[in-house]
Amino acid sequence: MDVLWKGLVGGLVTIAIVLASRRGNLLPGILPLAPTFAIIALLAVGAKGEAAGFRETCLAGMRTIPAYLVFLGVTWWLGHNLDYRLAILGGLTAWLVVALAIFLGPRLL
């Protein structure tokens, strides 16, 4: 039942983004900043009852902020000359590279 509730929250945010995109471009860009998926992750980890794990999840989420900014920057930059789907794919690729560097880089040094 927990998974269904979390799926419902994610689905509702998706619906809100799609509906907002019909009225303009600003709100759909702001809605993903709502911590929907972070809340789902924190609920899943918090349900285990481990404070240390909960705090570790918070820190991991904070560490992904640079990767998210790179995703948006690369997508914006590629959006000038490429189809929006290719721009998103390029942004996802850049996000993955930065996220891997953030989480695996310290282990390799």
PDB file of N, CA and C in Angstrom:
ATOM      1  N   MET A   1       0.813  -1.188   0.000  1.00  0.00           N
ATOM      2  CA  MET A   1       0.000   0.000   0.000  1.00  0.00           C
ATOM      3  C   MET A   1       0.860   1.257   0.000  1.00  0.00           C
ATOM      4  N   ASP A   2       2.022   1.172   0.653  1.00  0.00           N
ATOM      5  CA  ASP A   2       2.958   2.287   0.688  1.00  0.00           C
ATOM      6  C   ASP A   2       3.380   2.714  -0.718  1.00  0.00           C
ATOM      7  N   VAL A   3       3.669   1.739  -1.563  1.00  0.00           N
ATOM      8  CA  VAL A   3       4.120   2.024  -2.925  1.00  0.00           C
ATOM      9  C   VAL A   3       3.007   2.709  -3.719  1.00  0.00           C
ATOM     10  N   LEU A   4       1.781   2.288  -3.535  1.00  0.00           N
ATOM     11  CA  LEU A   4       0.662   2.912  -4.239  1.00  0.00           C
ATOM     12  C   LEU A   4       0.506   4.374  -3.848  1.00  0.00           C
ATOM     13  N   TRP A   5       0.650   4.675  -2.569  1.00  0.00           N
ATOM     14  CA  TRP A   5       0.527   6.053  -2.111  1.00  0.00           C
ATOM     15  C   TRP A   5       1.625   6.914  -2.719  1.00  0.00           C
ATOM     16  N   LYS A   6       2.840   6.399  -2.719  1.00  0.00           N
ATOM     17  CA  LYS A   6       3.964   7.150  -3.278  1.00  0.00           C
ATOM     18  C   LYS A   6       3.792   7.347  -4.770  1.00  0.00           C
ATOM     19  N   GLY A   7       3.283   6.335  -5.467  1.00  0.00           N
ATOM     20  CA  GLY A   7       3.002   6.467  -6.891  1.00  0.00           C
ATOM     21  C   GLY A   7       1.926   7.499  -7.162  1.00  0.00           C
ATOM     22  N   LEU A   8       0.948   7.557  -6.297  1.00  0.00           N
ATOM     23  CA  LEU A   8      -0.132   8.537  -6.443  1.00  0.00           C
ATOM     24  C   LEU A   8       0.407   9.965  -6.299  1.00  0.00           C
ATOM     25  N   VAL A   9       1.287  10.176  -5.347  1.00  0.00           N
ATOM     26  CA  VAL A   9       1.884  11.504  -5.156  1.00  0.00           C
ATOM     27  C   VAL A   9       2.665  11.912  -6.406  1.00  0.00           C
ATOM     28  N   GLY A  10       3.489  11.014  -6.927  1.00  0.00           N
ATOM     29  CA  GLY A  10       4.248  11.315  -8.140  1.00  0.00           C
ATOM     30  C   GLY A  10       3.342  11.581  -9.328  1.00  0.00           C
ATOM     31  N   GLY A  11       2.277  10.800  -9.454  1.00  0.00           N
ATOM     32  CA  GLY A  11       1.322  10.990 -10.535  1.00  0.00           C
ATOM     33  C   GLY A  11       0.595  12.322 -10.441  1.00  0.00           C
ATOM     34  N   LEU A  12       0.231  12.722  -9.233  1.00  0.00           N
ATOM     35  CA  LEU A  12      -0.454  14.003  -9.047  1.00  0.00           C
ATOM     36  C   LEU A  12       0.444  15.182  -9.418  1.00  0.00           C
ATOM     37  N   VAL A  13       1.721  15.092  -9.078  1.00  0.00           N
ATOM     38  CA  VAL A  13       2.643  16.162  -9.454  1.00  0.00           C
ATOM     39  C   VAL A  13       2.799  16.207 -10.977  1.00  0.00           C
ATOM     40  N   THR A  14       2.858  15.038 -11.609  1.00  0.00           N
ATOM     41  CA  THR A  14       2.949  14.985 -13.069  1.00  0.00           C
ATOM     42  C   THR A  14       1.726  15.634 -13.709  1.00  0.00           C
ATOM     43  N   ILE A  15       0.556  15.327 -13.198  1.00  0.00           N
ATOM     44  CA  ILE A  15      -0.677  15.934 -13.713  1.00  0.00           C
ATOM     45  C   ILE A  15      -0.631  17.449 -13.525  1.00  0.00           C
ATOM     46  N   ALA A  16      -0.173  17.900 -12.371  1.00  0.00           N
ATOM     47  CA  ALA A  16      -0.101  19.343 -12.108  1.00  0.00           C
ATOM     48  C   ALA A  16       0.840  20.027 -13.094  1.00  0.00           C
ATOM     49  N   ILE A  17       1.964  19.405 -13.403  1.00  0.00           N
ATOM     50  CA  ILE A  17       2.917  19.985 -14.350  1.00  0.00           C
ATOM     51  C   ILE A  17       2.298  20.069 -15.745  1.00  0.00           C
ATOM     52  N   VAL A  18       1.644  18.992 -16.181  1.00  0.00           N
ATOM     53  CA  VAL A  18       1.025  18.982 -17.516  1.00  0.00           C
ATOM     54  C   VAL A  18      -0.078  20.039 -17.604  1.00  0.00           C
ATOM     55  N   LEU A  19      -0.918  20.122 -16.596  1.00  0.00           N
ATOM     56  CA  LEU A  19      -1.990  21.120 -16.605  1.00  0.00           C
ATOM     57  C   LEU A  19      -1.425  22.544 -16.563  1.00  0.00           C
ATOM     58  N   ALA A  20      -0.392  22.749 -15.781  1.00  0.00           N
ATOM     59  CA  ALA A  20       0.216  24.079 -15.692  1.00  0.00           C
ATOM     60  C   ALA A  20       0.865  24.474 -17.013  1.00  0.00           C
ATOM     61  N   SER A  21       1.370  23.504 -17.767  1.00  0.00           N
ATOM     62  CA  SER A  21       2.028  23.824 -19.036  1.00  0.00           C
ATOM     63  C   SER A  21       1.035  24.362 -20.062  1.00  0.00           C
ATOM     64  N   ARG A  22      -0.235  24.126 -19.861  1.00  0.00           N
ATOM     65  CA  ARG A  22      -1.256  24.645 -20.775  1.00  0.00           C
ATOM     66  C   ARG A  22      -1.529  26.127 -20.547  1.00  0.00           C
ATOM     67  N   ARG A  23      -1.115  26.633 -19.406  1.00  0.00           N
ATOM     68  CA  ARG A  23      -1.389  28.031 -19.053  1.00  0.00           C
ATOM     69  C   ARG A  23      -0.158  28.918 -19.148  1.00  0.00           C
ATOM     70  N   GLY A  24       0.983  28.339 -19.377  1.00  0.00           N
ATOM     71  CA  GLY A  24       2.203  29.140 -19.471  1.00  0.00           C
ATOM     72  C   GLY A  24       3.425  28.270 -19.317  1.00  0.00           C
ATOM     73  N   ASN A  25       4.562  28.919 -19.234  1.00  0.00           N
ATOM     74  CA  ASN A  25       5.834  28.197 -19.174  1.00  0.00           C
ATOM     75  C   ASN A  25       6.547  28.322 -17.835  1.00  0.00           C
ATOM     76  N   LEU A  26       6.188  29.277 -17.024  1.00  0.00           N
ATOM     77  CA  LEU A  26       6.901  29.505 -15.765  1.00  0.00           C
ATOM     78  C   LEU A  26       6.570  28.455 -14.708  1.00  0.00           C
ATOM     79  N   LEU A  27       5.309  28.214 -14.459  1.00  0.00           N
ATOM     80  CA  LEU A  27       4.910  27.276 -13.409  1.00  0.00           C
ATOM     81  C   LEU A  27       5.411  25.850 -13.658  1.00  0.00           C
ATOM     82  N   PRO A  28       5.354  25.335 -14.894  1.00  0.00           N
ATOM     83  CA  PRO A  28       5.906  23.989 -15.106  1.00  0.00           C
ATOM     84  C   PRO A  28       7.408  23.904 -14.818  1.00  0.00           C
ATOM     85  N   GLY A  29       8.097  25.031 -14.919  1.00  0.00           N
ATOM     86  CA  GLY A  29       9.519  25.042 -14.578  1.00  0.00           C
ATOM     87  C   GLY A  29       9.770  25.111 -13.085  1.00  0.00           C
ATOM     88  N   ILE A  30       8.799  25.644 -12.346  1.00  0.00           N
ATOM     89  CA  ILE A  30       8.944  25.779 -10.897  1.00  0.00           C
ATOM     90  C   ILE A  30       8.484  24.525 -10.162  1.00  0.00           C
ATOM     91  N   LEU A  31       7.429  23.884 -10.650  1.00  0.00           N
ATOM     92  CA  LEU A  31       6.865  22.719  -9.950  1.00  0.00           C
ATOM     93  C   LEU A  31       7.872  21.592  -9.683  1.00  0.00           C
ATOM     94  N   PRO A  32       8.800  21.294 -10.605  1.00  0.00           N
ATOM     95  CA  PRO A  32       9.761  20.234 -10.273  1.00  0.00           C
ATOM     96  C   PRO A  32      10.654  20.560  -9.084  1.00  0.00           C
ATOM     97  N   LEU A  33      10.720  21.826  -8.703  1.00  0.00           N
ATOM     98  CA  LEU A  33      11.503  22.179  -7.521  1.00  0.00           C
ATOM     99  C   LEU A  33      10.815  21.770  -6.232  1.00  0.00           C
ATOM    100  N   ALA A  34       9.504  21.491  -6.319  1.00  0.00           N
ATOM    101  CA  ALA A  34       8.812  20.968  -5.143  1.00  0.00           C
ATOM    102  C   ALA A  34       9.461  19.622  -4.808  1.00  0.00           C
ATOM    103  N   PRO A  35       9.709  19.362  -3.573  1.00  0.00           N
ATOM    104  CA  PRO A  35      10.477  18.169  -3.204  1.00  0.00           C
ATOM    105  C   PRO A  35       9.670  16.865  -3.222  1.00  0.00           C
ATOM    106  N   THR A  36       8.830  16.689  -4.231  1.00  0.00           N
ATOM    107  CA  THR A  36       7.952  15.518  -4.294  1.00  0.00           C
ATOM    108  C   THR A  36       8.706  14.204  -4.183  1.00  0.00           C
ATOM    109  N   PHE A  37       9.676  14.013  -5.059  1.00  0.00           N
ATOM    110  CA  PHE A  37      10.388  12.734  -5.064  1.00  0.00           C
ATOM    111  C   PHE A  37      11.317  12.604  -3.858  1.00  0.00           C
ATOM    112  N   ALA A  38      11.808  13.735  -3.365  1.00  0.00           N
ATOM    113  CA  ALA A  38      12.599  13.691  -2.131  1.00  0.00           C
ATOM    114  C   ALA A  38      11.719  13.259  -0.959  1.00  0.00           C
ATOM    115  N   ILE A  39      10.478  13.738  -0.931  1.00  0.00           N
ATOM    116  CA  ILE A  39       9.551  13.338   0.131  1.00  0.00           C
ATOM    117  C   ILE A  39       9.286  11.841   0.060  1.00  0.00           C
ATOM    118  N   ILE A  40       9.070  11.336  -1.147  1.00  0.00           N
ATOM    119  CA  ILE A  40       8.826   9.900  -1.315  1.00  0.00           C
ATOM    120  C   ILE A  40      10.031   9.105  -0.821  1.00  0.00           C
ATOM    121  N   ALA A  41      11.237   9.534  -1.223  1.00  0.00           N
ATOM    122  CA  ALA A  41      12.451   8.836  -0.787  1.00  0.00           C
ATOM    123  C   ALA A  41      12.601   8.902   0.729  1.00  0.00           C
ATOM    124  N   LEU A  42      12.354  10.068   1.311  1.00  0.00           N
ATOM    125  CA  LEU A  42      12.507  10.224   2.757  1.00  0.00           C
ATOM    126  C   LEU A  42      11.454   9.433   3.526  1.00  0.00           C
ATOM    127  N   LEU A  43      10.250   9.343   2.979  1.00  0.00           N
ATOM    128  CA  LEU A  43       9.229   8.507   3.625  1.00  0.00           C
ATOM    129  C   LEU A  43       9.635   7.034   3.596  1.00  0.00           C
ATOM    130  N   ALA A  44      10.171   6.594   2.467  1.00  0.00           N
ATOM    131  CA  ALA A  44      10.585   5.192   2.350  1.00  0.00           C
ATOM    132  C   ALA A  44      11.720   4.868   3.314  1.00  0.00           C
ATOM    133  N   VAL A  45      12.698   5.754   3.389  1.00  0.00           N
ATOM    134  CA  VAL A  45      13.840   5.514   4.282  1.00  0.00           C
ATOM    135  C   VAL A  45      13.437   5.740   5.737  1.00  0.00           C
ATOM    136  N   GLY A  46      12.653   6.766   5.994  1.00  0.00           N
ATOM    137  CA  GLY A  46      12.218   7.061   7.362  1.00  0.00           C
ATOM    138  C   GLY A  46      11.371   5.960   7.964  1.00  0.00           C
ATOM    139  N   ALA A  47      10.627   5.231   7.114  1.00  0.00           N
ATOM    140  CA  ALA A  47       9.787   4.137   7.605  1.00  0.00           C
ATOM    141  C   ALA A  47      10.615   3.008   8.213  1.00  0.00           C
ATOM    142  N   LYS A  48      11.897   2.960   7.870  1.00  0.00           N
ATOM    143  CA  LYS A  48      12.771   1.941   8.455  1.00  0.00           C
ATOM    144  C   LYS A  48      13.090   2.245   9.920  1.00  0.00           C
ATOM    145  N   GLY A  49      12.912   3.507  10.318  1.00  0.00           N
ATOM    146  CA  GLY A  49      13.153   3.887  11.705  1.00  0.00           C
ATOM    147  C   GLY A  49      14.602   4.132  12.050  1.00  0.00           C
ATOM    148  N   GLU A  50      15.430   4.361  11.046  1.00  0.00           N
ATOM    149  CA  GLU A  50      16.857   4.606  11.278  1.00  0.00           C
ATOM    150  C   GLU A  50      17.160   6.079  11.033  1.00  0.00           C
ATOM    151  N   ALA A  51      17.434   6.811  12.082  1.00  0.00           N
ATOM    152  CA  ALA A  51      17.710   8.243  11.953  1.00  0.00           C
ATOM    153  C   ALA A  51      18.949   8.497  11.098  1.00  0.00           C
ATOM    154  N   ALA A  52      19.956   7.674  11.242  1.00  0.00           N
ATOM    155  CA  ALA A  52      21.191   7.866  10.465  1.00  0.00           C
ATOM    156  C   ALA A  52      20.922   7.679   8.972  1.00  0.00           C
ATOM    157  N   GLY A  53      20.140   6.694   8.615  1.00  0.00           N
ATOM    158  CA  GLY A  53      19.794   6.463   7.214  1.00  0.00           C
ATOM    159  C   GLY A  53      18.965   7.598   6.649  1.00  0.00           C
ATOM    160  N   PHE A  54      18.068   8.117   7.459  1.00  0.00           N
ATOM    161  CA  PHE A  54      17.235   9.254   7.055  1.00  0.00           C
ATOM    162  C   PHE A  54      18.110  10.466   6.756  1.00  0.00           C
ATOM    163  N   ARG A  55      19.034  10.744   7.657  1.00  0.00           N
ATOM    164  CA  ARG A  55      19.925  11.887   7.472  1.00  0.00           C
ATOM    165  C   ARG A  55      20.855  11.677   6.280  1.00  0.00           C
ATOM    166  N   GLU A  56      21.303  10.453   6.060  1.00  0.00           N
ATOM    167  CA  GLU A  56      22.157  10.152   4.909  1.00  0.00           C
ATOM    168  C   GLU A  56      21.404  10.404   3.598  1.00  0.00           C
ATOM    169  N   THR A  57      20.128  10.061   3.570  1.00  0.00           N
ATOM    170  CA  THR A  57      19.302  10.310   2.387  1.00  0.00           C
ATOM    171  C   THR A  57      19.156  11.803   2.144  1.00  0.00           C
ATOM    172  N   CYS A  58      18.981  12.581   3.195  1.00  0.00           N
ATOM    173  CA  CYS A  58      18.909  14.050   3.053  1.00  0.00           C
ATOM    174  C   CYS A  58      20.203  14.586   2.436  1.00  0.00           C
ATOM    175  N   LEU A  59      21.337  14.138   2.941  1.00  0.00           N
ATOM    176  CA  LEU A  59      22.624  14.598   2.412  1.00  0.00           C
ATOM    177  C   LEU A  59      22.815  14.184   0.957  1.00  0.00           C
ATOM    178  N   ALA A  60      22.421  12.964   0.613  1.00  0.00           N
ATOM    179  CA  ALA A  60      22.547  12.499  -0.768  1.00  0.00           C
ATOM    180  C   ALA A  60      21.712  13.372  -1.692  1.00  0.00           C
ATOM    181  N   GLY A  61      20.520  13.738  -1.255  1.00  0.00           N
ATOM    182  CA  GLY A  61      19.671  14.621  -2.049  1.00  0.00           C
ATOM    183  C   GLY A  61      20.301  15.989  -2.253  1.00  0.00           C
ATOM    184  N   MET A  62      20.918  16.514  -1.205  1.00  0.00           N
ATOM    185  CA  MET A  62      21.580  17.813  -1.319  1.00  0.00           C
ATOM    186  C   MET A  62      22.759  17.752  -2.281  1.00  0.00           C
ATOM    187  N   ARG A  63      23.443  16.634  -2.305  1.00  0.00           N
ATOM    188  CA  ARG A  63      24.608  16.494  -3.186  1.00  0.00           C
ATOM    189  C   ARG A  63      24.208  16.440  -4.658  1.00  0.00           C
ATOM    190  N   THR A  64      22.959  16.147  -4.958  1.00  0.00           N
ATOM    191  CA  THR A  64      22.539  16.065  -6.358  1.00  0.00           C
ATOM    192  C   THR A  64      22.145  17.412  -6.950  1.00  0.00           C
ATOM    193  N   ILE A  65      22.090  18.449  -6.138  1.00  0.00           N
ATOM    194  CA  ILE A  65      21.688  19.769  -6.640  1.00  0.00           C
ATOM    195  C   ILE A  65      22.598  20.250  -7.777  1.00  0.00           C
ATOM    196  N   PRO A  66      23.921  20.132  -7.679  1.00  0.00           N
ATOM    197  CA  PRO A  66      24.748  20.555  -8.820  1.00  0.00           C
ATOM    198  C   PRO A  66      24.426  19.776 -10.103  1.00  0.00           C
ATOM    199  N   ALA A  67      24.159  18.493  -9.991  1.00  0.00           N
ATOM    200  CA  ALA A  67      23.824  17.704 -11.172  1.00  0.00           C
ATOM    201  C   ALA A  67      22.516  18.187 -11.788  1.00  0.00           C
ATOM    202  N   TYR A  68      21.555  18.547 -10.964  1.00  0.00           N
ATOM    203  CA  TYR A  68      20.284  19.066 -11.464  1.00  0.00           C
ATOM    204  C   TYR A  68      20.492  20.393 -12.185  1.00  0.00           C
ATOM    205  N   LEU A  69      21.323  21.257 -11.633  1.00  0.00           N
ATOM    206  CA  LEU A  69      21.614  22.536 -12.282  1.00  0.00           C
ATOM    207  C   LEU A  69      22.322  22.331 -13.614  1.00  0.00           C
ATOM    208  N   VAL A  70      23.238  21.364 -13.677  1.00  0.00           N
ATOM    209  CA  VAL A  70      23.903  21.047 -14.942  1.00  0.00           C
ATOM    210  C   VAL A  70      22.884  20.535 -15.955  1.00  0.00           C
ATOM    211  N   PHE A  71      21.978  19.664 -15.515  1.00  0.00           N
ATOM    212  CA  PHE A  71      20.926  19.158 -16.405  1.00  0.00           C
ATOM    213  C   PHE A  71      20.144  20.310 -17.021  1.00  0.00           C
ATOM    214  N   LEU A  72      19.683  21.237 -16.189  1.00  0.00           N
ATOM    215  CA  LEU A  72      18.894  22.362 -16.696  1.00  0.00           C
ATOM    216  C   LEU A  72      19.721  23.263 -17.615  1.00  0.00           C
ATOM    217  N   GLY A  73      20.969  23.514 -17.243  1.00  0.00           N
ATOM    218  CA  GLY A  73      21.834  24.364 -18.067  1.00  0.00           C
ATOM    219  C   GLY A  73      22.121  23.764 -19.429  1.00  0.00           C
ATOM    220  N   VAL A  74      22.473  22.484 -19.455  1.00  0.00           N
ATOM    221  CA  VAL A  74      22.764  21.824 -20.727  1.00  0.00           C
ATOM    222  C   VAL A  74      21.503  21.728 -21.578  1.00  0.00           C
ATOM    223  N   THR A  75      20.385  21.404 -20.964  1.00  0.00           N
ATOM    224  CA  THR A  75      19.126  21.319 -21.703  1.00  0.00           C
ATOM    225  C   THR A  75      18.764  22.683 -22.293  1.00  0.00           C
ATOM    226  N   TRP A  76      18.924  23.734 -21.517  1.00  0.00           N
ATOM    227  CA  TRP A  76      18.658  25.084 -22.007  1.00  0.00           C
ATOM    228  C   TRP A  76      19.565  25.418 -23.189  1.00  0.00           C
ATOM    229  N   TRP A  77      20.849  25.138 -23.037  1.00  0.00           N
ATOM    230  CA  TRP A  77      21.827  25.454 -24.074  1.00  0.00           C
ATOM    231  C   TRP A  77      21.544  24.673 -25.352  1.00  0.00           C
ATOM    232  N   LEU A  78      21.289  23.376 -25.239  1.00  0.00           N
ATOM    233  CA  LEU A  78      21.010  22.553 -26.416  1.00  0.00           C
ATOM    234  C   LEU A  78      19.654  22.891 -27.037  1.00  0.00           C
ATOM    235  N   GLY A  79      18.753  23.429 -26.260  1.00  0.00           N
ATOM    236  CA  GLY A  79      17.425  23.762 -26.752  1.00  0.00           C
ATOM    237  C   GLY A  79      17.408  24.846 -27.812  1.00  0.00           C
ATOM    238  N   HIS A  80      18.511  25.573 -27.962  1.00  0.00           N
ATOM    239  CA  HIS A  80      18.588  26.608 -28.992  1.00  0.00           C
ATOM    240  C   HIS A  80      18.660  26.014 -30.393  1.00  0.00           C
ATOM    241  N   ASN A  81      19.355  24.898 -30.532  1.00  0.00           N
ATOM    242  CA  ASN A  81      19.634  24.367 -31.863  1.00  0.00           C
ATOM    243  C   ASN A  81      19.114  22.958 -32.117  1.00  0.00           C
ATOM    244  N   LEU A  82      18.657  22.274 -31.089  1.00  0.00           N
ATOM    245  CA  LEU A  82      18.213  20.887 -31.247  1.00  0.00           C
ATOM    246  C   LEU A  82      16.732  20.758 -30.915  1.00  0.00           C
ATOM    247  N   ASP A  83      16.153  19.674 -31.380  1.00  0.00           N
ATOM    248  CA  ASP A  83      14.801  19.310 -30.987  1.00  0.00           C
ATOM    249  C   ASP A  83      14.761  19.153 -29.466  1.00  0.00           C
ATOM    250  N   TYR A  84      13.658  19.517 -28.857  1.00  0.00           N
ATOM    251  CA  TYR A  84      13.575  19.496 -27.391  1.00  0.00           C
ATOM    252  C   TYR A  84      13.864  18.107 -26.816  1.00  0.00           C
ATOM    253  N   ARG A  85      13.502  17.042 -27.534  1.00  0.00           N
ATOM    254  CA  ARG A  85      13.769  15.679 -27.028  1.00  0.00           C
ATOM    255  C   ARG A  85      15.256  15.389 -26.982  1.00  0.00           C
ATOM    256  N   LEU A  86      15.990  15.843 -27.988  1.00  0.00           N
ATOM    257  CA  LEU A  86      17.439  15.670 -27.984  1.00  0.00           C
ATOM    258  C   LEU A  86      18.090  16.545 -26.916  1.00  0.00           C
ATOM    259  N   ALA A  87      17.542  17.730 -26.712  1.00  0.00           N
ATOM    260  CA  ALA A  87      18.058  18.611 -25.659  1.00  0.00           C
ATOM    261  C   ALA A  87      17.895  17.953 -24.288  1.00  0.00           C
ATOM    262  N   ILE A  88      16.741  17.340 -24.063  1.00  0.00           N
ATOM    263  CA  ILE A  88      16.498  16.644 -22.793  1.00  0.00           C
ATOM    264  C   ILE A  88      17.452  15.461 -22.653  1.00  0.00           C
ATOM    265  N   LEU A  89      17.646  14.705 -23.727  1.00  0.00           N
ATOM    266  CA  LEU A  89      18.574  13.568 -23.684  1.00  0.00           C
ATOM    267  C   LEU A  89      19.992  14.033 -23.373  1.00  0.00           C
ATOM    268  N   GLY A  90      20.408  15.136 -23.989  1.00  0.00           N
ATOM    269  CA  GLY A  90      21.729  15.696 -23.679  1.00  0.00           C
ATOM    270  C   GLY A  90      21.832  16.135 -22.233  1.00  0.00           C
ATOM    271  N   GLY A  91      20.767  16.760 -21.730  1.00  0.00           N
ATOM    272  CA  GLY A  91      20.751  17.166 -20.327  1.00  0.00           C
ATOM    273  C   GLY A  91      20.827  15.978 -19.383  1.00  0.00           C
ATOM    274  N   LEU A  92      20.094  14.914 -19.716  1.00  0.00           N
ATOM    275  CA  LEU A  92      20.144  13.695 -18.891  1.00  0.00           C
ATOM    276  C   LEU A  92      21.537  13.079 -18.893  1.00  0.00           C
ATOM    277  N   THR A  93      22.174  13.101 -20.049  1.00  0.00           N
ATOM    278  CA  THR A  93      23.536  12.567 -20.142  1.00  0.00           C
ATOM    279  C   THR A  93      24.485  13.375 -19.262  1.00  0.00           C
ATOM    280  N   ALA A  94      24.371  14.696 -19.351  1.00  0.00           N
ATOM    281  CA  ALA A  94      25.218  15.556 -18.520  1.00  0.00           C
ATOM    282  C   ALA A  94      24.926  15.339 -17.042  1.00  0.00           C
ATOM    283  N   TRP A  95      23.634  15.200 -16.694  1.00  0.00           N
ATOM    284  CA  TRP A  95      23.254  14.935 -15.302  1.00  0.00           C
ATOM    285  C   TRP A  95      23.908  13.645 -14.806  1.00  0.00           C
ATOM    286  N   LEU A  96      23.849  12.606 -15.632  1.00  0.00           N
ATOM    287  CA  LEU A  96      24.423  11.320 -15.233  1.00  0.00           C
ATOM    288  C   LEU A  96      25.934  11.427 -15.006  1.00  0.00           C
ATOM    289  N   VAL A  97      26.610  12.130 -15.893  1.00  0.00           N
ATOM    290  CA  VAL A  97      28.064  12.289 -15.752  1.00  0.00           C
ATOM    291  C   VAL A  97      28.390  13.021 -14.455  1.00  0.00           C
ATOM    292  N   VAL A  98      27.684  14.102 -14.189  1.00  0.00           N
ATOM    293  CA  VAL A  98      27.956  14.884 -12.972  1.00  0.00           C
ATOM    294  C   VAL A  98      27.575  14.088 -11.723  1.00  0.00           C
ATOM    295  N   ALA A  99      26.429  13.406 -11.753  1.00  0.00           N
ATOM    296  CA  ALA A  99      26.007  12.615 -10.594  1.00  0.00           C
ATOM    297  C   ALA A  99      27.016  11.502 -10.302  1.00  0.00           C
ATOM    298  N   LEU A 100      27.489  10.828 -11.336  1.00  0.00           N
ATOM    299  CA  LEU A 100      28.499   9.788 -11.140  1.00  0.00           C
ATOM    300  C   LEU A 100      29.793  10.380 -10.574  1.00  0.00           C
ATOM    301  N   ALA A 101      30.184  11.545 -11.073  1.00  0.00           N
ATOM    302  CA  ALA A 101      31.390  12.197 -10.553  1.00  0.00           C
ATOM    303  C   ALA A 101      31.223  12.569  -9.092  1.00  0.00           C
ATOM    304  N   ILE A 102      30.029  13.057  -8.735  1.00  0.00           N
ATOM    305  CA  ILE A 102      29.780  13.456  -7.346  1.00  0.00           C
ATOM    306  C   ILE A 102      29.850  12.261  -6.402  1.00  0.00           C
ATOM    307  N   PHE A 103      29.234  11.151  -6.806  1.00  0.00           N
ATOM    308  CA  PHE A 103      29.129  10.017  -5.891  1.00  0.00           C
ATOM    309  C   PHE A 103      30.269   9.012  -6.014  1.00  0.00           C
ATOM    310  N   LEU A 104      30.842   8.866  -7.204  1.00  0.00           N
ATOM    311  CA  LEU A 104      31.925   7.897  -7.376  1.00  0.00           C
ATOM    312  C   LEU A 104      33.295   8.540  -7.343  1.00  0.00           C
ATOM    313  N   GLY A 105      33.365   9.824  -7.669  1.00  0.00           N
ATOM    314  CA  GLY A 105      34.652  10.538  -7.695  1.00  0.00           C
ATOM    315  C   GLY A 105      35.445  10.424  -6.409  1.00  0.00           C
ATOM    316  N   PRO A 106      34.830  10.699  -5.249  1.00  0.00           N
ATOM    317  CA  PRO A 106      35.596  10.598  -4.000  1.00  0.00           C
ATOM    318  C   PRO A 106      36.131   9.190  -3.719  1.00  0.00           C
ATOM    319  N   ARG A 107      35.422   8.173  -4.178  1.00  0.00           N
ATOM    320  CA  ARG A 107      35.879   6.793  -3.953  1.00  0.00           C
ATOM    321  C   ARG A 107      37.090   6.458  -4.816  1.00  0.00           C
ATOM    322  N   LEU A 108      37.168   7.093  -5.984  1.00  0.00           N
ATOM    323  CA  LEU A 108      38.266   6.795  -6.900  1.00  0.00           C
ATOM    324  C   LEU A 108      39.540   7.555  -6.569  1.00  0.00           C
ATOM    325  N   LEU A 109      39.415   8.591  -5.755  1.00  0.00           N
ATOM    326  CA  LEU A 109      40.600   9.398  -5.400  1.00  0.00           C
ATOM    327  C   LEU A 109      41.360   8.812  -4.280  1.00  0.00           C
TER     328      LEU A 109
END
